[in-house]
Amino acid sequence: MSYSLRMGKGGRKAEPPEEEARAGLCADCSYARMIESERGSRFVLCERSATDTNYPKYPRIPVITCAGYTQKR
């Protein structure tokens, strides 16, 4: 199963709630971007890592605490 949102022709479709729960805080963080590799593996990319080395580029899932967490609006 995946931790991401799958892109479709009509936009983004959410994964089932249990899949989002596996990602923890990243599931609704404004700095998280869901990445899918060419082989179909899915990862959560923390965009804060580009400007702050305190944040891992690909955090271990599930993320339960994060000082940089900002909920999506």
C-alpha atoms as a PDB file:
ATOM      1  CA  MET A   1       0.000   0.000   0.000  1.00  0.00           C
ATOM      2  CA  SER A   2       1.031   3.626  -0.314  1.00  0.00           C
ATOM      3  CA  TYR A   3       1.510   6.743   1.775  1.00  0.00           C
ATOM      4  CA  SER A   4       0.726   9.120  -1.015  1.00  0.00           C
ATOM      5  CA  LEU A   5      -2.010  10.658  -3.017  1.00  0.00           C
ATOM      6  CA  ARG A   6      -2.245   9.179  -6.469  1.00  0.00           C
ATOM      7  CA  MET A   7      -2.450  11.612  -9.369  1.00  0.00           C
ATOM      8  CA  GLY A   8      -5.274  11.039 -11.812  1.00  0.00           C
ATOM      9  CA  LYS A   9      -6.344  12.802 -14.999  1.00  0.00           C
ATOM     10  CA  GLY A  10      -8.974  14.721 -13.067  1.00  0.00           C
ATOM     11  CA  GLY A  11      -6.645  15.829 -10.256  1.00  0.00           C
ATOM     12  CA  ARG A  12      -5.671  14.332  -6.912  1.00  0.00           C
ATOM     13  CA  LYS A  13      -7.569  11.438  -5.395  1.00  0.00           C
ATOM     14  CA  ALA A  14      -7.112  10.713  -1.718  1.00  0.00           C
ATOM     15  CA  GLU A  15      -6.034   7.321  -0.489  1.00  0.00           C
ATOM     16  CA  PRO A  16      -8.291   5.560   2.028  1.00  0.00           C
ATOM     17  CA  PRO A  17      -8.125   7.070   5.551  1.00  0.00           C
ATOM     18  CA  GLU A  18      -6.078   4.162   6.904  1.00  0.00           C
ATOM     19  CA  GLU A  19      -3.390   4.843   4.281  1.00  0.00           C
ATOM     20  CA  GLU A  20      -3.202   8.520   5.223  1.00  0.00           C
ATOM     21  CA  ALA A  21      -2.977   7.556   8.906  1.00  0.00           C
ATOM     22  CA  ARG A  22       0.168   5.531   8.151  1.00  0.00           C
ATOM     23  CA  ALA A  23       1.963   8.720   7.072  1.00  0.00           C
ATOM     24  CA  GLY A  24       1.157  10.400  10.394  1.00  0.00           C
ATOM     25  CA  LEU A  25       1.507  14.182  10.434  1.00  0.00           C
ATOM     26  CA  CYS A  26       2.835  14.205   6.866  1.00  0.00           C
ATOM     27  CA  ALA A  27      -0.601  13.207   5.552  1.00  0.00           C
ATOM     28  CA  ASP A  28      -1.884  16.755   5.993  1.00  0.00           C
ATOM     29  CA  CYS A  29       1.293  18.848   6.314  1.00  0.00           C
ATOM     30  CA  SER A  30       1.699  21.727   3.890  1.00  0.00           C
ATOM     31  CA  TYR A  31       5.420  20.901   3.511  1.00  0.00           C
ATOM     32  CA  ALA A  32       4.917  17.241   2.558  1.00  0.00           C
ATOM     33  CA  ARG A  33       4.902  16.236  -1.084  1.00  0.00           C
ATOM     34  CA  MET A  34       4.055  12.734  -2.192  1.00  0.00           C
ATOM     35  CA  ILE A  35       6.504  11.189  -4.662  1.00  0.00           C
ATOM     36  CA  GLU A  36       6.015   8.051  -6.762  1.00  0.00           C
ATOM     37  CA  SER A  37       9.049   6.400  -8.351  1.00  0.00           C
ATOM     38  CA  GLU A  38       9.067   4.900 -11.831  1.00  0.00           C
ATOM     39  CA  ARG A  39       8.809   1.473 -10.177  1.00  0.00           C
ATOM     40  CA  GLY A  40       5.665   2.450  -8.268  1.00  0.00           C
ATOM     41  CA  SER A  41       7.194   2.952  -4.808  1.00  0.00           C
ATOM     42  CA  ARG A  42       5.761   5.915  -2.934  1.00  0.00           C
ATOM     43  CA  PHE A  43       7.548   8.265  -0.569  1.00  0.00           C
ATOM     44  CA  VAL A  44       6.868  11.401   1.433  1.00  0.00           C
ATOM     45  CA  LEU A  45       9.255  14.252   0.595  1.00  0.00           C
ATOM     46  CA  CYS A  46       9.651  16.948   3.254  1.00  0.00           C
ATOM     47  CA  GLU A  47      10.079  20.237   1.383  1.00  0.00           C
ATOM     48  CA  ARG A  48      11.422  21.899   4.558  1.00  0.00           C
ATOM     49  CA  SER A  49      14.570  19.798   4.053  1.00  0.00           C
ATOM     50  CA  ALA A  50      15.534  22.007   1.089  1.00  0.00           C
ATOM     51  CA  THR A  51      16.130  25.006   3.370  1.00  0.00           C
ATOM     52  CA  ASP A  52      16.661  23.456   6.816  1.00  0.00           C
ATOM     53  CA  THR A  53      18.980  20.490   7.402  1.00  0.00           C
ATOM     54  CA  ASN A  54      17.165  19.636  10.652  1.00  0.00           C
ATOM     55  CA  TYR A  55      14.437  17.994   8.569  1.00  0.00           C
ATOM     56  CA  PRO A  56      15.113  14.729   6.717  1.00  0.00           C
ATOM     57  CA  LYS A  57      14.383  14.733   2.984  1.00  0.00           C
ATOM     58  CA  TYR A  58      12.423  11.475   3.283  1.00  0.00           C
ATOM     59  CA  PRO A  59      11.222  11.108   6.897  1.00  0.00           C
ATOM     60  CA  ARG A  60      10.579   7.706   8.458  1.00  0.00           C
ATOM     61  CA  ILE A  61       6.871   7.004   8.437  1.00  0.00           C
ATOM     62  CA  PRO A  62       4.748   7.465  10.471  1.00  0.00           C
ATOM     63  CA  VAL A  63       5.788  10.906  11.659  1.00  0.00           C
ATOM     64  CA  ILE A  64       4.184  11.449  15.078  1.00  0.00           C
ATOM     65  CA  THR A  65       5.990  14.628  16.140  1.00  0.00           C
ATOM     66  CA  CYS A  66       7.514  17.376  14.021  1.00  0.00           C
ATOM     67  CA  ALA A  67       8.487  20.907  15.054  1.00  0.00           C
ATOM     68  CA  GLY A  68       7.926  22.122  11.483  1.00  0.00           C
ATOM     69  CA  TYR A  69       4.474  20.652  10.987  1.00  0.00           C
ATOM     70  CA  THR A  70       2.010  23.112   9.449  1.00  0.00           C
ATOM     71  CA  GLN A  71      -1.466  21.814   8.651  1.00  0.00           C
ATOM     72  CA  LYS A  72      -2.729  22.314   5.091  1.00  0.00           C
ATOM     73  CA  ARG A  73      -5.539  24.822   4.771  1.00  0.00           C
END
